Structures are given as structure tokens and as C-alpha cells.
Amino acid sequence: FGQEAPDISWEAELKNIPGSDTIFLVLKADVPQGLHIYSSDFQCDIGPNPTSFKELNIEGASQVGRLISVDPKTTYDDIFMCDLAYFDKKAELRQAFISSSKHKRIHGVLEFQVCLENGMCILQTHNFDLASE
């Protein structure tokens, strides 16, 4: 039987830092009531999948560091015996890049787990394709 959860709608944008060659890919989503999305920054030996890039293609820039979750909630999970980080109303993720060209294009696929209150989790993806000068 198929598992279904509402599709999560993400907004993606590139933000330039004035006076710097640093740019950020910012991904934001509203999380419907009764659902949560796991963040990008927790580590468990077993358990849910952190949000991550399934695919990331970069033109005119270089990736710096890792995907960062902005203000996730954290809770200890007795089943997985680790701290889990998640979003339950709004999700925001940021990835830094250093620009190496006037023209930049960053495109890829974000992979994330959407979980319902009953504990059922569904793996989903979001495709993005952004360009900047």
C-alpha cells in the first residue's frame, strides 16, 4: 500500500551578501499542521534520514561547508536512542557558496522526510534551479 502525505511546497532563492563573494542558497517551506520534516543537522546510527541534497550542481561558485538548518526543534527519541532535529511549522535551510564568476547557476534535488503524527514517514524531493549575477 502506498504511503501518502501532503506535498511540501518549497521556495528557493539565492541571496548575495553585499560587499562579499559569498552567496547563500535559501530553501523555505511551510509545514502543515500535524506534520514535521527532519532537519539537516542530526546524526543517528539508525533512524530517520536527515534532509540533504540528493543532487547538487554548481556553476560559477564553490560550495562552502554543509547544509545548515535554521532554528530546528530538537528532541530525544527513545526508539532511535539519539537526539533528532526537525521542523514542525516552518522549515529553513541554508547552503553557503563562494562566487567565482559573475554568472552563477545552482540546481539540484533536495531530499527530505515528511512525517505524520501517527509516525508514518514518506521520503519526498524538491527540484530547484536558480541563476544569479
N, C-alpha and C. Protein backbone atom coordinates (compact mmCIF):
# COMPACT_ATOMS: atom_id res chain seq x y z
N PHE A 1 0.85 -1.19 0.00
CA PHE A 1 0.00 0.00 0.00
C PHE A 1 0.88 1.24 0.00
N GLY A 2 0.51 2.20 -0.79
CA GLY A 2 1.29 3.43 -0.88
C GLY A 2 1.09 4.31 0.33
N GLN A 3 2.13 5.00 0.69
CA GLN A 3 2.04 5.97 1.76
C GLN A 3 1.86 7.33 1.13
N GLU A 4 0.95 8.12 1.70
CA GLU A 4 0.71 9.45 1.15
C GLU A 4 0.80 10.49 2.25
N ALA A 5 1.40 11.60 1.92
CA ALA A 5 1.45 12.76 2.79
C ALA A 5 1.31 13.97 1.89
N PRO A 6 0.81 15.06 2.41
CA PRO A 6 0.71 16.26 1.58
C PRO A 6 2.07 16.65 1.03
N ASP A 7 2.08 17.09 -0.23
CA ASP A 7 3.31 17.60 -0.81
C ASP A 7 3.71 18.89 -0.10
N ILE A 8 4.98 19.02 0.19
CA ILE A 8 5.51 20.22 0.81
C ILE A 8 6.00 21.14 -0.30
N SER A 9 5.57 22.38 -0.26
CA SER A 9 5.96 23.36 -1.27
C SER A 9 7.13 24.19 -0.75
N TRP A 10 8.26 24.11 -1.46
CA TRP A 10 9.47 24.83 -1.06
C TRP A 10 9.65 26.07 -1.93
N GLU A 11 10.21 27.12 -1.34
CA GLU A 11 10.64 28.30 -2.08
C GLU A 11 12.16 28.32 -2.00
N ALA A 12 12.80 28.58 -3.13
CA ALA A 12 14.27 28.63 -3.16
C ALA A 12 14.72 29.97 -3.73
N GLU A 13 15.78 30.53 -3.14
CA GLU A 13 16.34 31.78 -3.66
C GLU A 13 17.83 31.83 -3.36
N LEU A 14 18.53 32.61 -4.17
CA LEU A 14 19.95 32.89 -3.92
C LEU A 14 20.05 34.28 -3.32
N LYS A 15 20.75 34.40 -2.21
CA LYS A 15 20.95 35.69 -1.55
C LYS A 15 22.43 36.04 -1.59
N ASN A 16 22.73 37.20 -2.16
CA ASN A 16 24.10 37.71 -2.19
C ASN A 16 24.37 38.47 -0.90
N ILE A 17 25.56 38.31 -0.35
CA ILE A 17 25.97 39.07 0.81
C ILE A 17 26.68 40.32 0.28
N PRO A 18 26.13 41.52 0.52
CA PRO A 18 26.72 42.75 -0.01
C PRO A 18 28.19 42.89 0.41
N GLY A 19 29.03 43.30 -0.56
CA GLY A 19 30.44 43.52 -0.29
C GLY A 19 31.25 42.25 -0.11
N SER A 20 30.69 41.12 -0.51
CA SER A 20 31.34 39.83 -0.32
C SER A 20 31.12 38.96 -1.55
N ASP A 21 31.93 37.94 -1.71
CA ASP A 21 31.70 36.99 -2.79
C ASP A 21 30.93 35.76 -2.29
N THR A 22 30.35 35.86 -1.08
CA THR A 22 29.55 34.78 -0.51
C THR A 22 28.10 34.92 -0.94
N ILE A 23 27.52 33.80 -1.33
CA ILE A 23 26.08 33.74 -1.63
C ILE A 23 25.49 32.57 -0.86
N PHE A 24 24.20 32.66 -0.59
CA PHE A 24 23.50 31.59 0.11
C PHE A 24 22.35 31.09 -0.74
N LEU A 25 22.22 29.78 -0.82
CA LEU A 25 21.00 29.15 -1.32
C LEU A 25 20.11 29.03 -0.10
N VAL A 26 18.92 29.64 -0.15
CA VAL A 26 17.98 29.60 0.96
C VAL A 26 16.74 28.85 0.51
N LEU A 27 16.39 27.80 1.25
CA LEU A 27 15.21 26.99 0.96
C LEU A 27 14.26 27.10 2.13
N LYS A 28 12.99 27.48 1.85
CA LYS A 28 11.99 27.65 2.91
C LYS A 28 10.72 26.90 2.54
N ALA A 29 10.05 26.37 3.58
CA ALA A 29 8.78 25.67 3.37
C ALA A 29 7.88 25.88 4.58
N ASP A 30 6.59 25.96 4.32
CA ASP A 30 5.59 25.90 5.38
C ASP A 30 5.28 24.43 5.61
N VAL A 31 5.26 24.03 6.88
CA VAL A 31 4.98 22.64 7.23
C VAL A 31 3.55 22.58 7.77
N PRO A 32 2.64 21.87 7.08
CA PRO A 32 1.25 21.81 7.52
C PRO A 32 1.12 21.22 8.93
N GLN A 33 0.09 21.65 9.63
CA GLN A 33 -0.16 21.17 11.00
C GLN A 33 -0.27 19.65 10.99
N GLY A 34 0.32 19.04 11.99
CA GLY A 34 0.28 17.58 12.12
C GLY A 34 1.42 16.87 11.41
N LEU A 35 2.28 17.63 10.73
CA LEU A 35 3.42 17.04 10.03
C LEU A 35 4.71 17.62 10.59
N HIS A 36 5.81 16.94 10.33
CA HIS A 36 7.13 17.52 10.58
C HIS A 36 8.11 17.01 9.52
N ILE A 37 9.18 17.76 9.36
CA ILE A 37 10.24 17.44 8.42
C ILE A 37 11.53 17.36 9.24
N TYR A 38 12.30 16.31 9.04
CA TYR A 38 13.58 16.22 9.75
C TYR A 38 14.57 17.23 9.18
N SER A 39 15.38 17.81 10.05
CA SER A 39 16.34 18.84 9.64
C SER A 39 17.57 18.18 9.00
N SER A 40 18.54 18.99 8.69
CA SER A 40 19.75 18.51 8.02
C SER A 40 20.89 18.20 8.97
N ASP A 41 20.72 18.53 10.23
CA ASP A 41 21.89 18.52 11.11
C ASP A 41 21.74 17.68 12.38
N PHE A 42 21.42 16.41 12.18
CA PHE A 42 21.46 15.49 13.31
C PHE A 42 22.13 14.21 12.81
N GLN A 43 22.65 13.44 13.75
CA GLN A 43 23.31 12.19 13.37
C GLN A 43 22.84 11.08 14.28
N CYS A 44 22.29 10.06 13.68
CA CYS A 44 21.89 8.85 14.40
C CYS A 44 22.47 7.66 13.65
N ASP A 45 22.89 6.64 14.39
CA ASP A 45 23.40 5.44 13.73
C ASP A 45 22.30 4.77 12.91
N ILE A 46 21.11 4.74 13.48
CA ILE A 46 19.93 4.26 12.75
C ILE A 46 18.83 5.28 12.99
N GLY A 47 17.88 5.34 12.10
CA GLY A 47 16.78 6.27 12.31
C GLY A 47 16.39 6.98 11.04
N PRO A 48 15.71 8.10 11.20
CA PRO A 48 15.23 8.84 10.03
C PRO A 48 16.37 9.46 9.24
N ASN A 49 16.07 9.80 7.99
CA ASN A 49 17.05 10.42 7.11
C ASN A 49 17.06 11.93 7.32
N PRO A 50 18.23 12.52 7.58
CA PRO A 50 18.30 13.97 7.62
C PRO A 50 18.04 14.54 6.23
N THR A 51 17.53 15.75 6.16
CA THR A 51 17.35 16.44 4.88
C THR A 51 18.73 16.66 4.27
N SER A 52 18.84 16.40 2.97
CA SER A 52 20.14 16.53 2.30
C SER A 52 19.94 16.78 0.81
N PHE A 53 21.03 17.12 0.16
CA PHE A 53 20.99 17.24 -1.30
C PHE A 53 21.16 15.86 -1.90
N LYS A 54 20.18 15.42 -2.64
CA LYS A 54 20.30 14.17 -3.39
C LYS A 54 21.18 14.42 -4.61
N GLU A 55 21.11 15.64 -5.11
CA GLU A 55 21.90 16.07 -6.26
C GLU A 55 22.15 17.56 -6.11
N LEU A 56 23.37 18.00 -6.42
CA LEU A 56 23.70 19.42 -6.36
C LEU A 56 24.70 19.73 -7.46
N ASN A 57 24.31 20.61 -8.38
CA ASN A 57 25.16 21.03 -9.49
C ASN A 57 25.42 22.52 -9.36
N ILE A 58 26.69 22.89 -9.45
CA ILE A 58 27.10 24.28 -9.21
C ILE A 58 27.91 24.78 -10.39
N GLU A 59 27.53 25.94 -10.90
CA GLU A 59 28.29 26.60 -11.97
C GLU A 59 28.62 28.01 -11.51
N GLY A 60 29.89 28.40 -11.56
CA GLY A 60 30.30 29.74 -11.19
C GLY A 60 30.43 29.99 -9.71
N ALA A 61 30.49 28.94 -8.91
CA ALA A 61 30.64 29.08 -7.46
C ALA A 61 31.16 27.77 -6.88
N SER A 62 31.58 27.82 -5.61
CA SER A 62 32.07 26.63 -4.90
C SER A 62 31.30 26.50 -3.60
N GLN A 63 30.90 25.29 -3.27
CA GLN A 63 30.18 25.02 -2.03
C GLN A 63 31.11 25.21 -0.84
N VAL A 64 30.58 25.83 0.22
CA VAL A 64 31.33 26.05 1.45
C VAL A 64 30.56 25.42 2.60
N GLY A 65 31.16 24.48 3.29
CA GLY A 65 30.52 23.86 4.44
C GLY A 65 29.38 22.95 4.06
N ARG A 66 28.47 22.78 5.01
CA ARG A 66 27.37 21.84 4.85
C ARG A 66 26.03 22.57 4.86
N LEU A 67 25.00 21.85 4.55
CA LEU A 67 23.63 22.38 4.59
C LEU A 67 23.25 22.62 6.05
N ILE A 68 22.82 23.84 6.35
CA ILE A 68 22.51 24.25 7.72
C ILE A 68 21.00 24.41 7.89
N SER A 69 20.47 23.88 8.98
CA SER A 69 19.07 24.08 9.35
C SER A 69 18.98 25.30 10.25
N VAL A 70 18.00 26.15 10.00
CA VAL A 70 17.81 27.37 10.79
C VAL A 70 16.71 27.13 11.82
N ASP A 71 17.08 27.15 13.08
CA ASP A 71 16.18 27.03 14.23
C ASP A 71 15.28 25.79 14.24
N PRO A 72 15.85 24.60 14.06
CA PRO A 72 15.02 23.41 14.19
C PRO A 72 14.74 23.12 15.67
N LYS A 73 13.72 22.35 15.94
CA LYS A 73 13.46 21.86 17.29
C LYS A 73 14.25 20.57 17.46
N THR A 74 14.60 20.26 18.70
CA THR A 74 15.35 19.04 18.98
C THR A 74 14.65 18.26 20.07
N THR A 75 14.62 16.94 19.91
CA THR A 75 14.04 16.08 20.93
C THR A 75 14.81 14.77 20.97
N TYR A 76 14.86 14.15 22.15
CA TYR A 76 15.48 12.84 22.26
C TYR A 76 14.46 11.80 21.87
N ASP A 77 14.84 10.87 21.03
CA ASP A 77 13.94 9.81 20.57
C ASP A 77 14.34 8.50 21.25
N ASP A 78 13.41 7.93 22.03
CA ASP A 78 13.67 6.70 22.78
C ASP A 78 13.84 5.49 21.86
N ILE A 79 13.18 5.50 20.72
CA ILE A 79 13.27 4.36 19.81
C ILE A 79 14.65 4.31 19.14
N PHE A 80 15.09 5.45 18.60
CA PHE A 80 16.38 5.50 17.90
C PHE A 80 17.54 5.81 18.84
N MET A 81 17.23 6.18 20.07
CA MET A 81 18.22 6.49 21.11
C MET A 81 19.22 7.55 20.66
N CYS A 82 18.68 8.66 20.16
CA CYS A 82 19.52 9.78 19.76
C CYS A 82 18.67 11.05 19.73
N ASP A 83 19.35 12.19 19.64
CA ASP A 83 18.65 13.47 19.50
C ASP A 83 18.29 13.68 18.04
N LEU A 84 17.04 14.00 17.78
CA LEU A 84 16.56 14.28 16.43
C LEU A 84 16.20 15.75 16.33
N ALA A 85 16.49 16.36 15.20
CA ALA A 85 16.14 17.76 14.94
C ALA A 85 15.12 17.79 13.82
N TYR A 86 14.11 18.66 13.96
CA TYR A 86 13.01 18.67 13.00
C TYR A 86 12.36 20.05 12.94
N PHE A 87 11.54 20.24 11.91
CA PHE A 87 10.73 21.45 11.74
C PHE A 87 9.27 21.04 11.81
N ASP A 88 8.44 21.84 12.51
CA ASP A 88 7.02 21.49 12.56
C ASP A 88 6.08 22.59 12.10
N LYS A 89 6.54 23.77 11.80
CA LYS A 89 5.69 24.84 11.27
C LYS A 89 6.34 25.48 10.05
N LYS A 90 7.56 25.87 10.21
CA LYS A 90 8.33 26.47 9.12
C LYS A 90 9.69 25.81 9.06
N ALA A 91 10.14 25.54 7.85
CA ALA A 91 11.46 24.96 7.65
C ALA A 91 12.31 25.96 6.88
N GLU A 92 13.56 26.10 7.30
CA GLU A 92 14.50 26.93 6.56
C GLU A 92 15.87 26.26 6.57
N LEU A 93 16.44 26.15 5.38
CA LEU A 93 17.76 25.57 5.19
C LEU A 93 18.62 26.55 4.42
N ARG A 94 19.93 26.57 4.71
CA ARG A 94 20.86 27.47 4.01
C ARG A 94 22.14 26.72 3.66
N GLN A 95 22.61 26.99 2.44
CA GLN A 95 23.88 26.45 1.99
C GLN A 95 24.72 27.60 1.46
N ALA A 96 25.95 27.73 1.96
CA ALA A 96 26.84 28.82 1.53
C ALA A 96 27.66 28.40 0.32
N PHE A 97 27.97 29.41 -0.51
CA PHE A 97 28.82 29.24 -1.68
C PHE A 97 29.72 30.46 -1.80
N ILE A 98 30.88 30.28 -2.41
CA ILE A 98 31.76 31.38 -2.76
C ILE A 98 31.69 31.54 -4.27
N SER A 99 31.36 32.74 -4.70
CA SER A 99 31.21 33.03 -6.12
C SER A 99 32.58 33.09 -6.79
N SER A 100 32.67 32.47 -7.97
CA SER A 100 33.91 32.53 -8.75
C SER A 100 33.66 33.11 -10.14
N SER A 101 32.43 33.56 -10.38
CA SER A 101 32.05 34.09 -11.68
C SER A 101 30.89 35.05 -11.51
N LYS A 102 30.75 35.97 -12.45
CA LYS A 102 29.62 36.89 -12.41
C LYS A 102 28.30 36.13 -12.56
N HIS A 103 28.31 35.12 -13.38
CA HIS A 103 27.11 34.32 -13.63
C HIS A 103 27.19 33.02 -12.83
N LYS A 104 26.17 32.78 -12.02
CA LYS A 104 26.12 31.58 -11.19
C LYS A 104 24.82 30.84 -11.45
N ARG A 105 24.90 29.51 -11.42
CA ARG A 105 23.70 28.67 -11.52
C ARG A 105 23.86 27.52 -10.53
N ILE A 106 22.87 27.36 -9.71
CA ILE A 106 22.87 26.28 -8.72
C ILE A 106 21.55 25.54 -8.88
N HIS A 107 21.66 24.25 -9.18
CA HIS A 107 20.45 23.46 -9.35
C HIS A 107 20.66 22.07 -8.77
N GLY A 108 19.56 21.45 -8.39
CA GLY A 108 19.69 20.13 -7.80
C GLY A 108 18.38 19.63 -7.25
N VAL A 109 18.51 18.65 -6.36
CA VAL A 109 17.35 17.99 -5.76
C VAL A 109 17.57 17.91 -4.26
N LEU A 110 16.61 18.43 -3.50
CA LEU A 110 16.60 18.33 -2.04
C LEU A 110 15.77 17.10 -1.68
N GLU A 111 16.30 16.25 -0.80
CA GLU A 111 15.58 15.06 -0.36
C GLU A 111 15.28 15.21 1.13
N PHE A 112 14.03 14.93 1.52
CA PHE A 112 13.61 15.13 2.91
C PHE A 112 12.51 14.15 3.28
N GLN A 113 12.34 13.91 4.59
CA GLN A 113 11.30 13.04 5.08
C GLN A 113 10.19 13.87 5.69
N VAL A 114 8.95 13.60 5.26
CA VAL A 114 7.76 14.20 5.83
C VAL A 114 7.12 13.14 6.72
N CYS A 115 6.86 13.48 7.98
CA CYS A 115 6.30 12.51 8.91
C CYS A 115 4.98 13.00 9.46
N LEU A 116 4.04 12.07 9.56
CA LEU A 116 2.72 12.35 10.10
C LEU A 116 2.73 12.06 11.60
N GLU A 117 1.70 12.56 12.29
CA GLU A 117 1.63 12.36 13.74
C GLU A 117 1.59 10.89 14.12
N ASN A 118 1.07 10.02 13.23
CA ASN A 118 0.99 8.60 13.54
C ASN A 118 2.33 7.88 13.39
N GLY A 119 3.39 8.63 13.03
CA GLY A 119 4.72 8.07 12.92
C GLY A 119 5.11 7.63 11.52
N MET A 120 4.16 7.64 10.58
CA MET A 120 4.47 7.26 9.21
C MET A 120 5.28 8.37 8.55
N CYS A 121 6.39 7.99 7.90
CA CYS A 121 7.26 8.96 7.24
C CYS A 121 7.37 8.62 5.75
N ILE A 122 7.37 9.65 4.93
CA ILE A 122 7.43 9.49 3.48
C ILE A 122 8.60 10.32 2.97
N LEU A 123 9.44 9.71 2.16
CA LEU A 123 10.56 10.40 1.54
C LEU A 123 10.04 11.22 0.36
N GLN A 124 10.39 12.51 0.31
CA GLN A 124 9.99 13.38 -0.78
C GLN A 124 11.20 14.14 -1.32
N THR A 125 11.04 14.73 -2.49
CA THR A 125 12.11 15.53 -3.09
C THR A 125 11.56 16.85 -3.59
N HIS A 126 12.46 17.81 -3.73
CA HIS A 126 12.13 19.11 -4.31
C HIS A 126 13.25 19.48 -5.27
N ASN A 127 12.91 19.75 -6.53
CA ASN A 127 13.88 20.18 -7.53
C ASN A 127 13.97 21.71 -7.51
N PHE A 128 15.19 22.24 -7.64
CA PHE A 128 15.38 23.67 -7.71
C PHE A 128 16.40 23.99 -8.79
N ASP A 129 16.26 25.20 -9.37
CA ASP A 129 17.18 25.64 -10.43
C ASP A 129 17.21 27.16 -10.37
N LEU A 130 18.32 27.71 -9.89
CA LEU A 130 18.44 29.16 -9.69
C LEU A 130 19.68 29.71 -10.37
N ALA A 131 19.56 30.92 -10.88
CA ALA A 131 20.69 31.61 -11.50
C ALA A 131 20.79 33.00 -10.90
N SER A 132 22.01 33.54 -10.89
CA SER A 132 22.24 34.85 -10.29
C SER A 132 23.41 35.52 -11.00
N GLU A 133 23.40 36.86 -10.95
CA GLU A 133 24.54 37.66 -11.45
C GLU A 133 25.10 38.46 -10.31
